[in-house]
Amino acid sequence: MSRIGNKPIEIPENVEIDIQKDTITVKGKLGELKQTYDSISFELKDNILTVSRPSDKKDHKAKHGLYRSLVYNMVEGVSKGFTKELELVGVGYRASNQGQKLELALGFSHNIVFDVVPEVKVETQTEKGKNPIIKLSSNDKQLVGHVAAKIRSFRKPEPYKGKGVKFVNEQIRRKAGKSA
């Protein structure tokens, strides 16, 4: 029994859902998202969307919870949006952006220039005495997470001093240094 797949999705009043044969489209104030699906059926009744599967095969069970989560994230995205914040920890680490170009100084010989996809809005905050913060926001949860993971991969936090690009509020497992 899929607990996630059986949960109904409440649709806010400013969100429209269009269910086709193999595509579901969600429109809201923050944009429009599409998702293709197969072997799952959606039913919209009184602003409540329910997801059902044709049988209890392993493949159908897996897709039941998957597509329910994907559609729920689409509804949340077009109504509220998603944000991820990254923090640059380290002496001399800087971040600045010119539109969709993100320039990172992460201790390498040259700065890293990263072109952020147009669907993701990027902001940088730099305050004296605090670590620089990169704020990514979009209506697509998967895309925001992917871009954030790509930026984090340029300099992952290391376990001894904690220097690197990390998510805000991320706990880094620290290791003890040399013991004399």
N, C-alpha and C. Protein backbone atom coordinates (compact mmCIF):
# COMPACT_ATOMS: atom_id res chain seq x y z
N MET A 1 0.84 -1.19 0.00
CA MET A 1 0.00 0.00 0.00
C MET A 1 0.88 1.24 0.00
N SER A 2 0.63 2.15 -0.92
CA SER A 2 1.41 3.38 -1.01
C SER A 2 0.75 4.45 -0.16
N ARG A 3 1.42 4.85 0.89
CA ARG A 3 0.85 5.89 1.75
C ARG A 3 0.90 7.24 1.06
N ILE A 4 2.01 7.52 0.39
CA ILE A 4 2.15 8.81 -0.29
C ILE A 4 1.20 8.88 -1.48
N GLY A 5 1.11 7.83 -2.26
CA GLY A 5 0.27 7.84 -3.45
C GLY A 5 -1.21 7.98 -3.13
N ASN A 6 -1.65 7.51 -1.96
CA ASN A 6 -3.06 7.57 -1.61
C ASN A 6 -3.47 8.91 -1.01
N LYS A 7 -2.51 9.77 -0.63
CA LYS A 7 -2.88 11.07 -0.07
C LYS A 7 -3.46 11.96 -1.16
N PRO A 8 -4.60 12.58 -0.92
CA PRO A 8 -5.16 13.50 -1.92
C PRO A 8 -4.39 14.82 -1.92
N ILE A 9 -4.37 15.50 -3.06
CA ILE A 9 -3.69 16.78 -3.20
C ILE A 9 -4.75 17.88 -3.23
N GLU A 10 -4.67 18.81 -2.28
CA GLU A 10 -5.59 19.95 -2.28
C GLU A 10 -5.06 21.00 -3.23
N ILE A 11 -5.92 21.47 -4.13
CA ILE A 11 -5.53 22.45 -5.13
C ILE A 11 -5.96 23.83 -4.66
N PRO A 12 -5.02 24.80 -4.52
CA PRO A 12 -5.41 26.17 -4.15
C PRO A 12 -6.29 26.80 -5.23
N GLU A 13 -7.01 27.86 -4.87
CA GLU A 13 -7.97 28.45 -5.81
C GLU A 13 -7.31 29.14 -7.00
N ASN A 14 -6.04 29.55 -6.89
CA ASN A 14 -5.39 30.24 -8.00
C ASN A 14 -4.59 29.30 -8.90
N VAL A 15 -4.80 27.99 -8.77
CA VAL A 15 -4.06 27.00 -9.56
C VAL A 15 -5.04 26.23 -10.45
N GLU A 16 -4.67 26.10 -11.74
CA GLU A 16 -5.47 25.35 -12.69
C GLU A 16 -4.73 24.09 -13.09
N ILE A 17 -5.47 22.99 -13.22
CA ILE A 17 -4.86 21.72 -13.62
C ILE A 17 -5.57 21.22 -14.88
N ASP A 18 -4.76 20.85 -15.88
CA ASP A 18 -5.30 20.30 -17.13
C ASP A 18 -4.74 18.89 -17.29
N ILE A 19 -5.62 17.90 -17.27
CA ILE A 19 -5.21 16.50 -17.37
C ILE A 19 -5.51 15.99 -18.78
N GLN A 20 -4.47 15.61 -19.50
CA GLN A 20 -4.60 15.04 -20.84
C GLN A 20 -4.36 13.53 -20.76
N LYS A 21 -4.25 12.89 -21.91
CA LYS A 21 -4.07 11.43 -21.96
C LYS A 21 -2.77 10.98 -21.30
N ASP A 22 -1.67 11.68 -21.57
CA ASP A 22 -0.38 11.29 -20.98
C ASP A 22 0.40 12.47 -20.43
N THR A 23 -0.25 13.63 -20.25
CA THR A 23 0.43 14.83 -19.75
C THR A 23 -0.49 15.55 -18.76
N ILE A 24 0.11 16.04 -17.69
CA ILE A 24 -0.64 16.88 -16.74
C ILE A 24 0.04 18.24 -16.70
N THR A 25 -0.77 19.31 -16.81
CA THR A 25 -0.25 20.68 -16.83
C THR A 25 -0.82 21.42 -15.63
N VAL A 26 0.06 22.11 -14.91
CA VAL A 26 -0.34 22.88 -13.74
C VAL A 26 0.03 24.33 -13.99
N LYS A 27 -0.97 25.23 -13.91
CA LYS A 27 -0.74 26.66 -14.11
C LYS A 27 -1.07 27.41 -12.84
N GLY A 28 -0.25 28.41 -12.53
CA GLY A 28 -0.48 29.22 -11.34
C GLY A 28 0.12 30.59 -11.52
N LYS A 29 0.17 31.37 -10.43
CA LYS A 29 0.66 32.74 -10.53
C LYS A 29 2.16 32.80 -10.80
N LEU A 30 2.90 31.74 -10.48
CA LEU A 30 4.35 31.75 -10.70
C LEU A 30 4.78 31.04 -11.98
N GLY A 31 3.83 30.57 -12.78
CA GLY A 31 4.21 29.96 -14.05
C GLY A 31 3.41 28.72 -14.36
N GLU A 32 3.96 27.92 -15.28
CA GLU A 32 3.30 26.72 -15.77
C GLU A 32 4.30 25.58 -15.82
N LEU A 33 3.90 24.41 -15.34
CA LEU A 33 4.75 23.23 -15.36
C LEU A 33 3.99 22.07 -15.99
N LYS A 34 4.73 21.22 -16.74
CA LYS A 34 4.14 20.05 -17.39
C LYS A 34 4.87 18.80 -16.94
N GLN A 35 4.14 17.69 -16.87
CA GLN A 35 4.74 16.41 -16.52
C GLN A 35 4.05 15.32 -17.32
N THR A 36 4.84 14.47 -17.98
CA THR A 36 4.26 13.33 -18.66
C THR A 36 4.14 12.17 -17.67
N TYR A 37 3.19 11.31 -17.90
CA TYR A 37 3.00 10.16 -17.01
C TYR A 37 2.47 8.99 -17.82
N ASP A 38 2.57 7.79 -17.22
CA ASP A 38 1.98 6.61 -17.85
C ASP A 38 1.54 5.64 -16.77
N SER A 39 0.55 4.84 -17.09
CA SER A 39 -0.02 3.78 -16.25
C SER A 39 -0.58 4.26 -14.92
N ILE A 40 -0.89 5.55 -14.79
CA ILE A 40 -1.48 6.12 -13.58
C ILE A 40 -2.65 6.98 -14.02
N SER A 41 -3.70 7.06 -13.21
CA SER A 41 -4.82 7.93 -13.57
C SER A 41 -5.03 9.00 -12.50
N PHE A 42 -5.38 10.19 -12.95
CA PHE A 42 -5.65 11.33 -12.08
C PHE A 42 -7.13 11.67 -12.16
N GLU A 43 -7.71 12.06 -11.02
CA GLU A 43 -9.11 12.48 -11.00
C GLU A 43 -9.22 13.76 -10.18
N LEU A 44 -9.77 14.80 -10.81
CA LEU A 44 -9.94 16.11 -10.15
C LEU A 44 -11.41 16.29 -9.81
N LYS A 45 -11.69 16.47 -8.52
CA LYS A 45 -13.07 16.65 -8.08
C LYS A 45 -13.09 17.61 -6.90
N ASP A 46 -13.81 18.71 -7.02
CA ASP A 46 -13.96 19.72 -5.95
C ASP A 46 -12.61 20.20 -5.42
N ASN A 47 -11.70 20.59 -6.33
CA ASN A 47 -10.36 21.08 -5.99
C ASN A 47 -9.54 20.08 -5.18
N ILE A 48 -9.81 18.80 -5.35
CA ILE A 48 -9.00 17.75 -4.73
C ILE A 48 -8.62 16.77 -5.83
N LEU A 49 -7.30 16.58 -5.98
CA LEU A 49 -6.77 15.68 -7.01
C LEU A 49 -6.38 14.37 -6.35
N THR A 50 -6.89 13.27 -6.90
CA THR A 50 -6.53 11.95 -6.39
C THR A 50 -5.79 11.18 -7.48
N VAL A 51 -4.84 10.38 -7.04
CA VAL A 51 -4.02 9.59 -7.95
C VAL A 51 -4.34 8.12 -7.70
N SER A 52 -4.57 7.35 -8.76
CA SER A 52 -4.86 5.92 -8.58
C SER A 52 -4.07 5.11 -9.59
N ARG A 53 -3.86 3.84 -9.24
CA ARG A 53 -3.10 2.93 -10.11
C ARG A 53 -4.00 1.80 -10.56
N PRO A 54 -3.73 1.21 -11.73
CA PRO A 54 -4.61 0.17 -12.25
C PRO A 54 -4.49 -1.18 -11.55
N SER A 55 -3.30 -1.50 -11.01
CA SER A 55 -3.12 -2.81 -10.37
C SER A 55 -2.07 -2.69 -9.27
N ASP A 56 -1.78 -3.80 -8.61
CA ASP A 56 -0.78 -3.81 -7.55
C ASP A 56 0.57 -4.35 -8.01
N LYS A 57 0.86 -4.22 -9.30
CA LYS A 57 2.18 -4.61 -9.80
C LYS A 57 3.24 -3.70 -9.18
N LYS A 58 4.45 -4.20 -9.12
CA LYS A 58 5.54 -3.44 -8.51
C LYS A 58 5.78 -2.12 -9.25
N ASP A 59 5.73 -2.16 -10.57
CA ASP A 59 5.94 -0.96 -11.38
C ASP A 59 4.85 0.07 -11.14
N HIS A 60 3.61 -0.35 -11.04
CA HIS A 60 2.49 0.56 -10.80
C HIS A 60 2.57 1.17 -9.40
N LYS A 61 2.97 0.36 -8.41
CA LYS A 61 3.11 0.87 -7.05
C LYS A 61 4.18 1.96 -6.97
N ALA A 62 5.29 1.72 -7.66
CA ALA A 62 6.38 2.69 -7.65
C ALA A 62 5.96 4.00 -8.30
N LYS A 63 5.29 3.92 -9.43
CA LYS A 63 4.87 5.12 -10.15
C LYS A 63 3.74 5.86 -9.43
N HIS A 64 2.95 5.14 -8.65
CA HIS A 64 1.84 5.76 -7.92
C HIS A 64 2.36 6.86 -6.98
N GLY A 65 3.31 6.52 -6.14
CA GLY A 65 3.86 7.49 -5.21
C GLY A 65 4.71 8.54 -5.91
N LEU A 66 5.43 8.12 -6.95
CA LEU A 66 6.30 9.04 -7.68
C LEU A 66 5.50 10.17 -8.32
N TYR A 67 4.48 9.83 -9.09
CA TYR A 67 3.74 10.86 -9.80
C TYR A 67 2.91 11.72 -8.86
N ARG A 68 2.45 11.14 -7.75
CA ARG A 68 1.75 11.97 -6.76
C ARG A 68 2.70 13.02 -6.19
N SER A 69 3.93 12.64 -5.87
CA SER A 69 4.92 13.59 -5.34
C SER A 69 5.29 14.64 -6.37
N LEU A 70 5.47 14.22 -7.62
CA LEU A 70 5.83 15.17 -8.67
C LEU A 70 4.74 16.21 -8.89
N VAL A 71 3.48 15.76 -8.92
CA VAL A 71 2.36 16.70 -9.12
C VAL A 71 2.20 17.61 -7.91
N TYR A 72 2.38 17.06 -6.71
CA TYR A 72 2.29 17.89 -5.50
C TYR A 72 3.36 18.98 -5.53
N ASN A 73 4.59 18.63 -5.92
CA ASN A 73 5.66 19.62 -6.02
C ASN A 73 5.36 20.66 -7.10
N MET A 74 4.69 20.26 -8.18
CA MET A 74 4.32 21.21 -9.22
C MET A 74 3.28 22.20 -8.68
N VAL A 75 2.29 21.71 -7.93
CA VAL A 75 1.25 22.57 -7.36
C VAL A 75 1.88 23.55 -6.37
N GLU A 76 2.76 23.06 -5.50
CA GLU A 76 3.45 23.93 -4.54
C GLU A 76 4.31 24.96 -5.26
N GLY A 77 4.97 24.55 -6.34
CA GLY A 77 5.86 25.43 -7.07
C GLY A 77 5.16 26.58 -7.75
N VAL A 78 4.03 26.31 -8.41
CA VAL A 78 3.34 27.39 -9.13
C VAL A 78 2.54 28.28 -8.18
N SER A 79 2.29 27.83 -6.94
CA SER A 79 1.56 28.68 -6.01
C SER A 79 2.50 29.40 -5.05
N LYS A 80 3.54 28.73 -4.52
CA LYS A 80 4.44 29.35 -3.53
C LYS A 80 5.87 29.53 -4.06
N GLY A 81 6.37 28.56 -4.82
CA GLY A 81 7.74 28.60 -5.30
C GLY A 81 8.68 27.91 -4.33
N PHE A 82 9.90 27.66 -4.78
CA PHE A 82 10.91 27.00 -3.97
C PHE A 82 12.18 27.84 -3.95
N THR A 83 12.87 27.86 -2.81
CA THR A 83 14.14 28.57 -2.71
C THR A 83 15.17 27.67 -2.05
N LYS A 84 16.40 27.83 -2.46
CA LYS A 84 17.55 27.17 -1.83
C LYS A 84 18.59 28.24 -1.58
N GLU A 85 19.23 28.19 -0.42
CA GLU A 85 20.28 29.15 -0.09
C GLU A 85 21.58 28.40 0.13
N LEU A 86 22.64 28.89 -0.50
CA LEU A 86 23.97 28.32 -0.35
C LEU A 86 24.86 29.35 0.34
N GLU A 87 25.74 28.87 1.20
CA GLU A 87 26.63 29.75 1.96
C GLU A 87 28.07 29.41 1.59
N LEU A 88 28.89 30.45 1.36
CA LEU A 88 30.30 30.25 1.02
C LEU A 88 31.12 30.47 2.28
N VAL A 89 31.71 29.38 2.79
CA VAL A 89 32.48 29.45 4.03
C VAL A 89 33.96 29.35 3.66
N GLY A 90 34.73 30.39 3.96
CA GLY A 90 36.16 30.37 3.68
C GLY A 90 36.68 31.77 3.49
N VAL A 91 37.94 31.98 3.83
CA VAL A 91 38.55 33.30 3.70
C VAL A 91 38.73 33.62 2.22
N GLY A 92 38.23 34.76 1.79
CA GLY A 92 38.38 35.19 0.40
C GLY A 92 37.35 34.61 -0.55
N TYR A 93 36.42 33.81 -0.07
CA TYR A 93 35.38 33.26 -0.95
C TYR A 93 34.34 34.35 -1.20
N ARG A 94 34.05 34.60 -2.48
CA ARG A 94 33.11 35.66 -2.85
C ARG A 94 32.15 35.15 -3.92
N ALA A 95 30.99 35.80 -3.98
CA ALA A 95 30.01 35.49 -5.02
C ALA A 95 29.37 36.78 -5.48
N SER A 96 29.21 36.92 -6.80
CA SER A 96 28.50 38.06 -7.35
C SER A 96 27.77 37.59 -8.60
N ASN A 97 26.71 38.30 -8.95
CA ASN A 97 25.98 37.92 -10.15
C ASN A 97 25.67 39.14 -10.99
N GLN A 98 25.72 38.92 -12.30
CA GLN A 98 25.32 39.91 -13.30
C GLN A 98 24.19 39.26 -14.08
N GLY A 99 22.96 39.50 -13.66
CA GLY A 99 21.82 38.83 -14.29
C GLY A 99 21.86 37.35 -13.96
N GLN A 100 22.00 36.49 -14.98
CA GLN A 100 22.02 35.05 -14.78
C GLN A 100 23.44 34.48 -14.74
N LYS A 101 24.45 35.34 -14.79
CA LYS A 101 25.84 34.88 -14.69
C LYS A 101 26.29 35.00 -13.24
N LEU A 102 26.68 33.88 -12.67
CA LEU A 102 27.14 33.83 -11.29
C LEU A 102 28.65 33.68 -11.29
N GLU A 103 29.34 34.62 -10.65
CA GLU A 103 30.80 34.58 -10.60
C GLU A 103 31.22 34.22 -9.18
N LEU A 104 32.01 33.14 -9.06
CA LEU A 104 32.41 32.62 -7.76
C LEU A 104 33.93 32.65 -7.63
N ALA A 105 34.41 33.20 -6.51
CA ALA A 105 35.83 33.14 -6.17
C ALA A 105 35.95 32.14 -5.03
N LEU A 106 36.45 30.94 -5.32
CA LEU A 106 36.48 29.86 -4.34
C LEU A 106 37.88 29.36 -4.03
N GLY A 107 38.87 30.23 -4.18
CA GLY A 107 40.23 29.85 -3.83
C GLY A 107 41.01 29.20 -4.94
N PHE A 108 40.45 29.09 -6.14
CA PHE A 108 41.19 28.57 -7.27
C PHE A 108 41.95 29.72 -7.93
N SER A 109 42.81 29.42 -8.91
CA SER A 109 43.59 30.46 -9.56
C SER A 109 42.70 31.42 -10.36
N HIS A 110 41.60 30.93 -10.91
CA HIS A 110 40.68 31.78 -11.66
C HIS A 110 39.30 31.70 -11.03
N ASN A 111 38.50 32.73 -11.26
CA ASN A 111 37.12 32.72 -10.80
C ASN A 111 36.30 31.77 -11.66
N ILE A 112 35.25 31.21 -11.08
CA ILE A 112 34.34 30.33 -11.81
C ILE A 112 33.15 31.17 -12.25
N VAL A 113 32.86 31.16 -13.55
CA VAL A 113 31.69 31.85 -14.08
C VAL A 113 30.69 30.77 -14.47
N PHE A 114 29.51 30.81 -13.83
CA PHE A 114 28.49 29.78 -14.02
C PHE A 114 27.23 30.44 -14.56
N ASP A 115 26.77 29.95 -15.73
CA ASP A 115 25.53 30.46 -16.33
C ASP A 115 24.35 29.70 -15.73
N VAL A 116 23.51 30.40 -14.99
CA VAL A 116 22.34 29.79 -14.37
C VAL A 116 21.21 29.76 -15.40
N VAL A 117 20.47 28.67 -15.45
CA VAL A 117 19.37 28.54 -16.41
C VAL A 117 18.35 29.66 -16.18
N PRO A 118 17.67 30.13 -17.23
CA PRO A 118 16.76 31.27 -17.08
C PRO A 118 15.56 31.01 -16.18
N GLU A 119 15.17 29.74 -15.98
CA GLU A 119 14.02 29.44 -15.13
C GLU A 119 14.31 29.66 -13.65
N VAL A 120 15.60 29.70 -13.27
CA VAL A 120 15.99 29.87 -11.88
C VAL A 120 16.49 31.30 -11.68
N LYS A 121 15.91 31.99 -10.69
CA LYS A 121 16.34 33.35 -10.38
C LYS A 121 17.44 33.28 -9.34
N VAL A 122 18.54 34.01 -9.58
CA VAL A 122 19.69 33.96 -8.67
C VAL A 122 19.92 35.33 -8.05
N GLU A 123 20.24 35.34 -6.75
CA GLU A 123 20.60 36.56 -6.03
C GLU A 123 21.81 36.24 -5.17
N THR A 124 22.65 37.25 -4.96
CA THR A 124 23.78 37.09 -4.05
C THR A 124 23.69 38.16 -2.98
N GLN A 125 24.02 37.79 -1.74
CA GLN A 125 24.03 38.72 -0.62
C GLN A 125 25.41 38.68 0.01
N THR A 126 26.01 39.86 0.14
CA THR A 126 27.32 39.95 0.78
C THR A 126 27.26 41.03 1.84
N GLU A 127 27.46 40.64 3.10
CA GLU A 127 27.51 41.57 4.21
C GLU A 127 28.88 41.46 4.86
N LYS A 128 29.37 42.58 5.34
CA LYS A 128 30.69 42.58 5.98
C LYS A 128 30.63 41.78 7.28
N GLY A 129 31.60 40.89 7.45
CA GLY A 129 31.67 40.07 8.64
C GLY A 129 30.84 38.79 8.57
N LYS A 130 30.09 38.58 7.49
CA LYS A 130 29.29 37.38 7.34
C LYS A 130 29.67 36.68 6.04
N ASN A 131 29.37 35.40 5.96
CA ASN A 131 29.66 34.64 4.76
C ASN A 131 28.72 35.04 3.63
N PRO A 132 29.23 35.09 2.38
CA PRO A 132 28.35 35.38 1.24
C PRO A 132 27.29 34.29 1.07
N ILE A 133 26.09 34.70 0.64
CA ILE A 133 24.98 33.77 0.46
C ILE A 133 24.47 33.88 -0.98
N ILE A 134 24.22 32.73 -1.60
CA ILE A 134 23.63 32.66 -2.93
C ILE A 134 22.21 32.15 -2.74
N LYS A 135 21.23 32.88 -3.25
CA LYS A 135 19.82 32.49 -3.11
C LYS A 135 19.27 32.14 -4.48
N LEU A 136 18.79 30.90 -4.63
CA LEU A 136 18.20 30.42 -5.87
C LEU A 136 16.71 30.21 -5.66
N SER A 137 15.89 30.70 -6.59
CA SER A 137 14.45 30.50 -6.46
C SER A 137 13.83 30.23 -7.83
N SER A 138 12.81 29.35 -7.83
CA SER A 138 12.10 28.98 -9.05
C SER A 138 10.82 28.27 -8.66
N ASN A 139 10.01 27.94 -9.66
CA ASN A 139 8.80 27.17 -9.39
C ASN A 139 9.03 25.67 -9.58
N ASP A 140 10.19 25.28 -10.08
CA ASP A 140 10.51 23.88 -10.34
C ASP A 140 11.48 23.38 -9.27
N LYS A 141 11.00 22.54 -8.36
CA LYS A 141 11.81 22.05 -7.24
C LYS A 141 13.03 21.26 -7.71
N GLN A 142 12.83 20.41 -8.71
CA GLN A 142 13.91 19.57 -9.21
C GLN A 142 15.01 20.42 -9.83
N LEU A 143 14.65 21.45 -10.57
CA LEU A 143 15.63 22.30 -11.23
C LEU A 143 16.43 23.13 -10.22
N VAL A 144 15.76 23.66 -9.20
CA VAL A 144 16.45 24.43 -8.15
C VAL A 144 17.46 23.55 -7.44
N GLY A 145 17.05 22.32 -7.10
CA GLY A 145 17.96 21.40 -6.43
C GLY A 145 19.14 21.02 -7.29
N HIS A 146 18.90 20.84 -8.58
CA HIS A 146 19.98 20.48 -9.51
C HIS A 146 21.01 21.60 -9.63
N VAL A 147 20.53 22.84 -9.79
CA VAL A 147 21.44 23.99 -9.91
C VAL A 147 22.21 24.18 -8.62
N ALA A 148 21.54 24.05 -7.47
CA ALA A 148 22.21 24.20 -6.18
C ALA A 148 23.28 23.13 -5.99
N ALA A 149 22.99 21.90 -6.38
CA ALA A 149 23.96 20.82 -6.26
C ALA A 149 25.16 21.05 -7.18
N LYS A 150 24.92 21.60 -8.36
CA LYS A 150 26.02 21.90 -9.29
C LYS A 150 26.93 22.97 -8.72
N ILE A 151 26.35 24.03 -8.14
CA ILE A 151 27.16 25.09 -7.54
C ILE A 151 27.94 24.54 -6.35
N ARG A 152 27.30 23.70 -5.54
CA ARG A 152 27.97 23.11 -4.37
C ARG A 152 29.13 22.21 -4.80
N SER A 153 29.02 21.57 -5.97
CA SER A 153 30.06 20.65 -6.42
C SER A 153 31.36 21.35 -6.80
N PHE A 154 31.34 22.67 -7.01
CA PHE A 154 32.57 23.39 -7.34
C PHE A 154 33.57 23.34 -6.19
N ARG A 155 33.10 23.38 -4.95
CA ARG A 155 33.97 23.28 -3.78
C ARG A 155 33.12 22.76 -2.62
N LYS A 156 33.06 21.43 -2.49
CA LYS A 156 32.27 20.83 -1.42
C LYS A 156 32.91 21.15 -0.07
N PRO A 157 32.12 21.23 1.00
CA PRO A 157 32.69 21.51 2.32
C PRO A 157 33.61 20.37 2.76
N GLU A 158 34.78 20.75 3.26
CA GLU A 158 35.72 19.72 3.70
C GLU A 158 35.56 19.52 5.21
N PRO A 159 35.88 18.32 5.71
CA PRO A 159 35.52 17.97 7.08
C PRO A 159 36.42 18.53 8.17
N TYR A 160 37.58 19.12 7.84
CA TYR A 160 38.50 19.56 8.88
C TYR A 160 38.23 20.99 9.32
N LYS A 161 38.12 21.90 8.37
CA LYS A 161 37.84 23.30 8.72
C LYS A 161 36.42 23.72 8.36
N GLY A 162 35.75 22.96 7.52
CA GLY A 162 34.39 23.29 7.11
C GLY A 162 34.33 24.27 5.96
N LYS A 163 35.47 24.52 5.28
CA LYS A 163 35.49 25.47 4.17
C LYS A 163 34.84 24.86 2.93
N GLY A 164 34.15 25.71 2.18
CA GLY A 164 33.53 25.26 0.95
C GLY A 164 32.16 25.87 0.77
N VAL A 165 31.42 25.37 -0.22
CA VAL A 165 30.05 25.83 -0.49
C VAL A 165 29.11 24.85 0.17
N LYS A 166 28.28 25.33 1.08
CA LYS A 166 27.34 24.46 1.77
C LYS A 166 25.95 25.08 1.76
N PHE A 167 24.95 24.25 1.98
CA PHE A 167 23.59 24.76 2.12
C PHE A 167 23.46 25.46 3.46
N VAL A 168 22.62 26.50 3.54
CA VAL A 168 22.38 27.17 4.81
C VAL A 168 21.71 26.15 5.73
N ASN A 169 22.13 26.10 6.97
CA ASN A 169 21.65 25.17 8.02
C ASN A 169 22.08 23.73 7.77
N GLU A 170 23.03 23.47 6.87
CA GLU A 170 23.53 22.12 6.67
C GLU A 170 24.55 21.81 7.76
N GLN A 171 24.45 20.64 8.34
CA GLN A 171 25.40 20.20 9.36
C GLN A 171 26.52 19.43 8.66
N ILE A 172 27.75 19.86 8.89
CA ILE A 172 28.90 19.19 8.28
C ILE A 172 29.57 18.34 9.35
N ARG A 173 29.79 17.06 9.05
CA ARG A 173 30.48 16.19 10.00
C ARG A 173 31.94 16.59 10.04
N ARG A 174 32.37 17.02 11.20
CA ARG A 174 33.74 17.49 11.37
C ARG A 174 34.63 16.36 11.87
N LYS A 175 35.89 16.40 11.44
CA LYS A 175 36.87 15.42 11.89
C LYS A 175 37.92 16.13 12.73
N ALA A 176 38.52 15.43 13.65
CA ALA A 176 39.62 15.99 14.45
C ALA A 176 40.86 16.02 13.56
N GLY A 177 41.71 17.01 13.81
CA GLY A 177 42.93 17.13 13.04
C GLY A 177 43.97 16.14 13.52
N LYS A 178 45.23 16.47 13.27
CA LYS A 178 46.31 15.59 13.70
C LYS A 178 46.36 15.56 15.22
N SER A 179 46.57 14.39 15.80
CA SER A 179 46.75 14.32 17.25
C SER A 179 48.23 14.08 17.52
N ALA A 180 48.81 14.95 18.34
CA ALA A 180 50.25 14.91 18.56
C ALA A 180 50.66 13.80 19.47
